[in-house]
Amino acid sequence: MTTIGRRSDRGRRRFRIPGLAIATLLQASAFSASAELYSHLGDSTVVGRNFGYESGTPDQGHPPVGTVEFVPELAVFMENIEKIDDVRGRTFIGFFTPARFRVRASEAVTVELGAFLGHDFGDDNELDLAEPILRLVAEPVDDVFLVGGTILPTHWIHDALLDDTHRLQGTEQGFQVRVDRPTLKLDSWVNWRIRETRIRPEEFEIGTAFQLRPDAARLRGLRVDGQVFWSHVGGQQNDTDRVEHNLSFMGGGTWGCAAPFGLEWIEDLRAGAYYFHVLDDGRDRDFSTGRGWEAIVRLDTQPWDRVGVRYHASYFDGDEFVALRGDPLYQLGDYTQVGGTVIAELTGALRLEGGVVLQYGQGVFNGSFLINLVWGQPFPIPVLRARVGGQRSS
């Protein structure tokens, strides 16, 4: 079995945009463009997108069996979204810090216990978020992870189905299955957003996103993607009489290669297309369907050591595509966008990301940008080492 501890070697790799070293940063991507610029960071438990069980401490990875350590992780973020047509702009700026104790109980079990703190800059002195972290992670087989409690919010799912800005508004609680194998990437989860009371309905979501990566020589550039997302509002104990069901799908793929036409400075050039479909129903509205498609192209380079750059462009065309938890810009019909993202690995376990997207839709030009500064460092606590097999671990 490839254990979490041995996964720490992967955590120390030089640089990663979701899932792989910078030299293959595009080959890890399920898609490249979204209506609102999303983070491409791949080694955080707070922002970005990834598969598997990320440690949040990429320079050190996961600890040896029996280790107890304190793990503060910090993400300072800013994301600005300008208005297009009826979609209002918004600026997200603040910090998140999931500070937790991490216990490597065995080769296959890790427990994290702590608090998730957050604050929106410009608010009063009080914290905007103070939520518990209790995460139980098991690896029953090689690179297959079961997560219970506080799940990892860094879902690899398209913005059209689930807007990435939702993760800037608190933790996610529920159950999760993640697979991080060479030929299969998977993230499936249940997130229980609101517990039902007399005055409010329950709200939860179920999502899954997978990517197939054939190992055959002629198909190694192929990535096949499938995603499903269901958002539910309802229940039987509340007085609101509110019931909503919104089910959205995405399917498609990309084809890419490194150094096309002998251009060694191109790490990966990739193009592809996706189809979207949504079903919506509720007690206060009629059943409806919507659809759309998107064509994308992207290019990754590494102009300097420890610095990666991604360029991307896309065109979306939709017909009444209304995914209630998705990016509202996908409801506009059709639009075109181009953008770029730079990620730099700095000293002291720091990651700096900056990105910009320019869009044209409904006869209006629009711009979005983001900045993320992320840090994570483990601090072992030797006096709290766990006992293994009745003996003190070494």
Protein backbone atom coordinates (compact mmCIF):
# COMPACT_ATOMS: atom_id res chain seq x y z
CA MET A 1 0.00 0.00 0.00
CA THR A 2 1.16 3.49 -0.70
CA THR A 3 0.69 5.03 2.72
CA ILE A 4 0.02 8.59 3.73
CA GLY A 5 3.54 8.79 5.11
CA ARG A 6 5.09 7.79 1.82
CA ARG A 7 2.83 10.33 0.16
CA SER A 8 4.91 12.94 1.96
CA ASP A 9 7.56 12.45 -0.70
CA ARG A 10 5.00 13.71 -3.21
CA GLY A 11 4.21 16.60 -0.92
CA ARG A 12 7.83 17.77 -1.14
CA ARG A 13 7.93 17.93 -4.92
CA ARG A 14 9.14 21.17 -6.26
CA PHE A 15 5.93 22.77 -7.46
CA ARG A 16 2.38 21.74 -8.29
CA ILE A 17 -0.66 23.12 -10.01
CA PRO A 18 -3.46 20.71 -9.21
CA GLY A 19 -1.98 17.31 -8.71
CA LEU A 20 1.36 17.25 -10.52
CA ALA A 21 4.75 18.91 -10.69
CA ILE A 22 5.01 22.15 -12.59
CA ALA A 23 6.62 20.34 -15.48
CA THR A 24 3.27 18.66 -16.09
CA LEU A 25 0.90 21.20 -14.56
CA LEU A 26 -1.61 21.14 -17.41
CA GLN A 27 -1.78 17.40 -17.67
CA ALA A 28 -3.41 17.43 -14.22
CA SER A 29 -6.25 19.73 -15.16
CA ALA A 30 -9.79 18.60 -15.75
CA PHE A 31 -10.58 21.93 -17.39
CA SER A 32 -8.95 25.34 -17.60
CA ALA A 33 -11.45 28.15 -17.70
CA SER A 34 -14.32 29.36 -15.59
CA ALA A 35 -16.51 32.43 -15.74
CA GLU A 36 -15.14 33.63 -12.46
CA LEU A 37 -11.39 33.19 -12.09
CA TYR A 38 -10.64 30.27 -9.77
CA SER A 39 -7.47 29.34 -7.93
CA HIS A 40 -5.15 26.86 -9.64
CA LEU A 41 -3.26 26.01 -6.43
CA GLY A 42 -3.03 22.25 -5.96
CA ASP A 43 -1.49 21.71 -2.52
CA SER A 44 -3.79 23.59 -0.13
CA THR A 45 -6.73 22.40 1.98
CA VAL A 46 -8.35 25.85 1.78
CA VAL A 47 -8.15 27.27 -1.76
CA GLY A 48 -7.48 25.76 -5.16
CA ARG A 49 -8.45 22.34 -6.52
CA ASN A 50 -7.01 18.89 -5.97
CA PHE A 51 -7.63 15.17 -5.61
CA GLY A 52 -6.35 12.87 -2.89
CA TYR A 53 -5.58 13.89 0.68
CA GLU A 54 -3.48 17.04 0.62
CA SER A 55 -1.54 17.82 3.78
CA GLY A 56 -1.67 21.62 3.49
CA THR A 57 2.07 21.49 4.25
CA PRO A 58 3.55 20.71 0.81
CA ASP A 59 7.19 21.10 1.84
CA GLN A 60 6.86 18.39 4.51
CA GLY A 61 3.83 16.31 3.50
CA HIS A 62 2.22 13.88 5.95
CA PRO A 63 4.05 12.79 9.13
CA PRO A 64 5.32 9.33 10.17
CA VAL A 65 3.06 6.94 12.07
CA GLY A 66 2.63 7.89 15.73
CA THR A 67 3.39 11.56 15.20
CA VAL A 68 1.27 14.29 16.73
CA GLU A 69 1.78 17.78 15.33
CA PHE A 70 0.22 21.20 15.32
CA VAL A 71 -0.52 22.42 11.79
CA PRO A 72 -1.40 26.07 11.18
CA GLU A 73 -2.31 26.84 7.57
CA LEU A 74 -2.97 30.36 6.34
CA ALA A 75 -4.52 31.66 3.13
CA VAL A 76 -4.80 35.40 2.50
CA PHE A 77 -7.02 35.95 -0.52
CA MET A 78 -8.50 38.62 -2.74
CA GLU A 79 -10.89 37.94 -5.61
CA ASN A 80 -12.64 40.71 -7.49
CA ILE A 81 -15.56 40.03 -9.85
CA GLU A 82 -16.96 42.86 -11.98
CA LYS A 83 -20.55 43.16 -13.11
CA ILE A 84 -21.91 41.82 -16.40
CA ASP A 85 -25.51 42.50 -17.32
CA ASP A 86 -27.68 41.40 -14.36
CA VAL A 87 -24.83 39.61 -12.56
CA ARG A 88 -23.58 41.86 -9.80
CA GLY A 89 -19.89 42.21 -9.08
CA ARG A 90 -18.35 41.43 -5.73
CA THR A 91 -14.99 41.55 -3.98
CA PHE A 92 -13.82 38.82 -1.61
CA ILE A 93 -10.85 39.82 0.54
CA GLY A 94 -9.75 38.33 3.84
CA PHE A 95 -7.98 35.35 5.38
CA PHE A 96 -8.65 31.75 6.37
CA THR A 97 -6.61 29.76 8.85
CA PRO A 98 -7.45 26.13 9.56
CA ALA A 99 -5.34 25.49 12.67
CA ARG A 100 -5.49 21.89 13.83
CA PHE A 101 -3.70 19.09 15.62
CA ARG A 102 -2.90 16.24 13.25
CA VAL A 103 -2.47 12.71 14.60
CA ARG A 104 -1.02 10.02 12.33
CA ALA A 105 -2.66 7.14 14.19
CA SER A 106 -1.59 4.34 11.84
CA GLU A 107 -0.45 3.63 8.30
CA ALA A 108 -4.03 4.10 7.08
CA VAL A 109 -5.64 6.51 9.57
CA THR A 110 -5.09 10.21 10.26
CA VAL A 111 -7.15 12.40 12.59
CA GLU A 112 -7.27 16.20 12.53
CA LEU A 113 -8.86 18.28 15.30
CA GLY A 114 -8.89 22.07 15.54
CA ALA A 115 -10.65 25.22 14.43
CA PHE A 116 -11.29 27.01 11.15
CA LEU A 117 -10.99 30.78 11.58
CA GLY A 118 -11.74 33.43 8.96
CA HIS A 119 -12.15 37.15 8.64
CA ASP A 120 -13.32 39.46 5.86
CA PHE A 121 -11.15 42.56 5.69
CA GLY A 122 -13.11 45.74 6.33
CA ASP A 123 -15.45 44.13 8.86
CA ASP A 124 -15.44 44.75 12.61
CA ASN A 125 -12.71 43.33 14.81
CA GLU A 126 -14.61 40.11 15.44
CA LEU A 127 -13.93 36.97 13.41
CA ASP A 128 -16.44 36.26 10.65
CA LEU A 129 -15.84 32.52 10.91
CA ALA A 130 -15.03 30.32 13.89
CA GLU A 131 -15.98 26.73 13.10
CA PRO A 132 -14.71 23.37 14.38
CA ILE A 133 -12.48 21.02 12.42
CA LEU A 134 -12.81 17.30 13.04
CA ARG A 135 -11.51 15.28 10.12
CA LEU A 136 -11.06 11.51 10.07
CA VAL A 137 -9.15 10.25 7.02
CA ALA A 138 -8.70 6.57 6.16
CA GLU A 139 -6.74 5.06 3.26
CA PRO A 140 -8.12 1.51 2.98
CA VAL A 141 -6.30 0.85 -0.29
CA ASP A 142 -3.57 2.53 -2.23
CA ASP A 143 -4.41 6.22 -2.92
CA VAL A 144 -8.11 5.83 -2.07
CA PHE A 145 -9.19 8.10 0.80
CA LEU A 146 -12.34 8.11 2.92
CA VAL A 147 -12.98 11.41 4.74
CA GLY A 148 -15.56 11.99 7.45
CA GLY A 149 -16.43 15.12 9.42
CA THR A 150 -14.87 18.29 8.04
CA ILE A 151 -14.35 17.38 4.40
CA LEU A 152 -11.84 18.93 2.01
CA PRO A 153 -13.54 21.80 0.13
CA THR A 154 -11.04 21.91 -2.74
CA HIS A 155 -13.34 20.07 -5.13
CA TRP A 156 -12.21 19.56 -8.70
CA ILE A 157 -15.53 20.63 -10.17
CA HIS A 158 -16.46 23.10 -12.89
CA ASP A 159 -17.64 26.57 -11.86
CA ALA A 160 -20.76 26.11 -13.99
CA LEU A 161 -21.91 23.42 -11.51
CA LEU A 162 -20.45 24.79 -8.25
CA ASP A 163 -19.16 28.35 -7.96
CA ASP A 164 -15.71 28.37 -6.37
CA THR A 165 -16.59 31.43 -4.25
CA HIS A 166 -18.82 29.24 -2.04
CA ARG A 167 -15.71 27.83 -0.42
CA LEU A 168 -14.83 31.35 0.74
CA GLN A 169 -17.82 31.29 3.07
CA GLY A 170 -17.08 28.52 5.57
CA THR A 171 -16.22 24.86 6.15
CA GLU A 172 -17.95 21.83 4.65
CA GLN A 173 -19.19 18.97 6.83
CA GLY A 174 -20.15 15.48 5.70
CA PHE A 175 -18.51 12.52 3.98
CA GLN A 176 -16.09 12.27 1.08
CA VAL A 177 -14.31 9.74 -1.13
CA ARG A 178 -11.18 10.76 -3.02
CA VAL A 179 -9.04 8.77 -5.45
CA ASP A 180 -5.63 9.94 -6.65
CA ARG A 181 -4.33 7.22 -8.93
CA PRO A 182 -2.42 7.63 -12.21
CA THR A 183 -5.36 6.57 -14.38
CA LEU A 184 -8.29 7.68 -12.20
CA LYS A 185 -8.95 10.90 -10.27
CA LEU A 186 -12.14 11.15 -8.21
CA ASP A 187 -13.78 13.45 -5.68
CA SER A 188 -17.25 12.47 -4.40
CA TRP A 189 -18.83 14.14 -1.39
CA VAL A 190 -21.91 14.94 0.65
CA ASN A 191 -21.90 18.41 2.22
CA TRP A 192 -24.63 19.06 4.79
CA ARG A 193 -24.92 22.85 4.60
CA ILE A 194 -27.88 23.61 6.92
CA ARG A 195 -29.59 21.45 9.55
CA GLU A 196 -33.37 21.60 9.42
CA THR A 197 -35.25 23.49 12.15
CA ARG A 198 -38.82 24.66 12.54
CA ILE A 199 -38.07 27.95 10.73
CA ARG A 200 -35.59 26.84 8.09
CA PRO A 201 -35.37 23.90 5.67
CA GLU A 202 -32.46 21.52 5.40
CA GLU A 203 -29.89 22.14 2.69
CA PHE A 204 -27.31 19.68 1.41
CA GLU A 205 -25.40 18.90 -1.75
CA ILE A 206 -24.03 15.74 -3.32
CA GLY A 207 -21.31 16.01 -5.92
CA THR A 208 -18.88 13.86 -7.83
CA ALA A 209 -16.13 14.70 -10.29
CA PHE A 210 -13.92 12.12 -11.97
CA GLN A 211 -11.26 12.10 -14.63
CA LEU A 212 -9.98 9.11 -16.60
CA ARG A 213 -6.39 9.18 -17.87
CA PRO A 214 -5.73 6.21 -20.18
CA ASP A 215 -2.29 4.66 -19.84
CA ALA A 216 -2.11 3.32 -23.40
CA ALA A 217 0.69 4.96 -25.37
CA ARG A 218 -1.61 6.34 -28.07
CA LEU A 219 -4.06 7.77 -25.52
CA ARG A 220 -1.79 9.30 -22.90
CA GLY A 221 -2.72 12.82 -23.93
CA LEU A 222 -6.44 12.14 -23.37
CA ARG A 223 -8.41 13.27 -20.30
CA VAL A 224 -12.06 12.18 -20.04
CA ASP A 225 -14.19 14.06 -17.50
CA GLY A 226 -17.58 13.49 -15.91
CA GLN A 227 -19.22 15.56 -13.18
CA VAL A 228 -22.59 15.50 -11.40
CA PHE A 229 -23.89 17.94 -8.79
CA TRP A 230 -27.21 17.86 -6.91
CA SER A 231 -28.37 20.66 -4.62
CA HIS A 232 -31.37 19.98 -2.36
CA VAL A 233 -33.47 22.26 -0.16
CA GLY A 234 -36.44 20.87 1.78
CA GLY A 235 -37.25 18.63 4.69
CA GLN A 236 -40.37 17.60 6.60
CA GLN A 237 -40.08 19.37 9.97
CA ASN A 238 -39.98 23.05 8.94
CA ASP A 239 -42.82 25.51 8.28
CA THR A 240 -41.32 27.21 5.21
CA ASP A 241 -42.94 24.95 2.58
CA ARG A 242 -39.74 25.38 0.55
CA VAL A 243 -38.60 22.51 -1.69
CA GLU A 244 -35.92 22.79 -4.39
CA HIS A 245 -34.04 20.25 -6.50
CA ASN A 246 -31.30 21.28 -8.91
CA LEU A 247 -29.33 18.57 -10.74
CA SER A 248 -26.52 19.47 -13.14
CA PHE A 249 -24.17 17.40 -15.31
CA MET A 250 -20.94 17.95 -17.22
CA GLY A 251 -19.16 15.62 -19.61
CA GLY A 252 -16.34 15.93 -22.10
CA GLY A 253 -12.59 15.86 -22.30
CA THR A 254 -9.33 17.32 -23.55
CA TRP A 255 -6.33 16.24 -25.55
CA GLY A 256 -2.86 17.60 -24.92
CA CYS A 257 0.85 17.11 -25.42
CA ALA A 258 4.16 18.50 -24.23
CA ALA A 259 6.56 20.43 -26.46
CA PRO A 260 4.32 20.50 -29.57
CA PHE A 261 6.11 21.20 -32.87
CA GLY A 262 9.40 20.95 -31.00
CA LEU A 263 8.67 24.00 -28.83
CA GLU A 264 10.43 22.91 -25.65
CA TRP A 265 9.28 25.96 -23.68
CA ILE A 266 5.68 24.67 -23.77
CA GLU A 267 5.15 22.29 -20.86
CA ASP A 268 1.68 21.30 -22.07
CA LEU A 269 -0.74 22.46 -24.76
CA ARG A 270 -4.30 21.21 -24.34
CA ALA A 271 -7.68 21.71 -26.04
CA GLY A 272 -11.11 20.20 -25.51
CA ALA A 273 -14.85 20.66 -25.11
CA TYR A 274 -17.56 19.99 -22.50
CA TYR A 275 -21.33 19.57 -22.56
CA PHE A 276 -23.57 20.78 -19.70
CA HIS A 277 -27.13 19.87 -18.75
CA VAL A 278 -29.28 20.97 -15.82
CA LEU A 279 -32.66 19.88 -14.40
CA ASP A 280 -34.45 22.23 -12.01
CA ASP A 281 -37.65 21.76 -10.03
CA GLY A 282 -39.25 23.32 -6.98
CA ARG A 283 -42.51 23.75 -5.15
CA ASP A 284 -42.67 27.43 -6.17
CA ARG A 285 -41.68 26.98 -9.85
CA ASP A 286 -42.20 24.75 -12.86
CA PHE A 287 -39.84 21.98 -13.91
CA SER A 288 -37.24 23.25 -16.39
CA THR A 289 -34.13 22.09 -18.24
CA GLY A 290 -31.12 23.89 -19.63
CA ARG A 291 -27.98 23.04 -21.53
CA GLY A 292 -24.77 24.47 -22.87
CA TRP A 293 -21.34 23.68 -24.21
CA GLU A 294 -17.85 25.07 -23.78
CA ALA A 295 -14.69 24.88 -25.89
CA ILE A 296 -11.37 25.51 -24.18
CA VAL A 297 -7.67 25.78 -24.94
CA ARG A 298 -4.79 26.30 -22.54
CA LEU A 299 -1.03 26.42 -22.44
CA ASP A 300 1.42 25.93 -19.56
CA THR A 301 4.97 27.16 -19.37
CA GLN A 302 7.69 27.41 -16.74
CA PRO A 303 9.58 30.59 -17.62
CA TRP A 304 11.66 30.55 -14.42
CA ASP A 305 12.63 28.03 -11.80
CA ARG A 306 9.81 27.57 -9.23
CA VAL A 307 7.46 29.76 -11.28
CA GLY A 308 4.66 28.45 -13.50
CA VAL A 309 2.39 30.33 -15.89
CA ARG A 310 -0.89 29.14 -17.37
CA TYR A 311 -2.67 30.86 -20.29
CA HIS A 312 -6.23 29.87 -21.13
CA ALA A 313 -9.17 30.84 -23.35
CA SER A 314 -12.71 29.54 -23.70
CA TYR A 315 -16.05 30.09 -25.36
CA PHE A 316 -19.36 29.13 -23.71
CA ASP A 317 -22.79 28.94 -25.34
CA GLY A 318 -25.82 28.08 -23.22
CA ASP A 319 -29.60 27.87 -23.36
CA GLU A 320 -31.34 28.51 -20.02
CA PHE A 321 -28.53 26.86 -18.10
CA VAL A 322 -29.36 27.69 -14.46
CA ALA A 323 -27.38 25.68 -11.90
CA LEU A 324 -28.42 27.24 -8.58
CA ARG A 325 -25.04 26.72 -6.88
CA GLY A 326 -23.06 27.42 -10.04
CA ASP A 327 -21.39 30.54 -11.33
CA PRO A 328 -24.17 32.98 -12.32
CA LEU A 329 -22.26 34.12 -15.41
CA TYR A 330 -23.09 30.79 -17.05
CA GLN A 331 -26.73 31.89 -17.03
CA LEU A 332 -26.04 34.74 -19.45
CA GLY A 333 -26.07 32.64 -22.62
CA ASP A 334 -22.80 32.97 -24.49
CA TYR A 335 -19.53 34.69 -23.74
CA THR A 336 -15.81 34.51 -24.50
CA GLN A 337 -12.94 34.81 -22.07
CA VAL A 338 -9.13 34.78 -21.95
CA GLY A 339 -6.87 34.79 -18.94
CA GLY A 340 -3.65 33.84 -17.26
CA THR A 341 -2.39 32.66 -13.89
CA VAL A 342 1.08 32.79 -12.30
CA ILE A 343 2.05 30.65 -9.32
CA ALA A 344 5.39 31.10 -7.58
CA GLU A 345 6.89 28.90 -4.91
CA LEU A 346 8.64 31.20 -2.45
CA THR A 347 10.93 30.48 0.47
CA GLY A 348 9.54 29.44 3.83
CA ALA A 349 6.71 27.22 2.47
CA LEU A 350 4.96 30.19 0.85
CA ARG A 351 2.92 29.98 -2.38
CA LEU A 352 1.94 33.17 -4.24
CA GLU A 353 -0.72 33.11 -6.94
CA GLY A 354 -1.98 35.90 -9.17
CA GLY A 355 -4.46 35.64 -12.01
CA VAL A 356 -6.64 37.70 -14.30
CA VAL A 357 -9.54 36.89 -16.65
CA LEU A 358 -11.02 39.15 -19.34
CA GLN A 359 -14.52 38.33 -20.55
CA TYR A 360 -16.92 39.49 -23.24
CA GLY A 361 -20.63 38.71 -23.03
CA GLN A 362 -23.97 40.42 -23.57
CA GLY A 363 -22.09 43.17 -25.43
CA VAL A 364 -20.07 44.03 -22.31
CA PHE A 365 -16.39 43.59 -21.44
CA ASN A 366 -15.62 42.38 -17.95
CA GLY A 367 -12.58 41.64 -15.83
CA SER A 368 -11.84 39.51 -12.77
CA PHE A 369 -8.63 39.03 -10.83
CA LEU A 370 -7.39 37.16 -7.78
CA ILE A 371 -4.40 37.09 -5.44
CA ASN A 372 -3.66 34.25 -3.03
CA LEU A 373 -0.83 33.98 -0.53
CA VAL A 374 -0.79 30.55 1.11
CA TRP A 375 1.42 29.09 3.84
CA GLY A 376 1.40 25.86 5.84
CA GLN A 377 3.93 24.45 8.32
CA PRO A 378 3.76 21.48 10.73
CA PHE A 379 5.17 21.66 14.26
CA PRO A 380 5.72 18.19 15.80
CA ILE A 381 4.88 17.67 19.47
CA PRO A 382 7.24 14.86 20.65
CA VAL A 383 5.73 14.53 24.13
CA LEU A 384 2.37 13.61 22.59
CA ARG A 385 3.58 10.81 20.35
CA ALA A 386 1.00 8.07 19.99
CA ARG A 387 1.53 4.50 21.15
CA VAL A 388 1.56 1.86 18.41
CA GLY A 389 0.94 -1.79 19.24
CA GLY A 390 1.18 -1.11 22.96
CA GLN A 391 4.63 0.41 22.62
CA ARG A 392 5.74 4.03 22.39
CA SER A 393 6.39 4.86 18.72
CA SER A 394 9.94 5.74 17.75
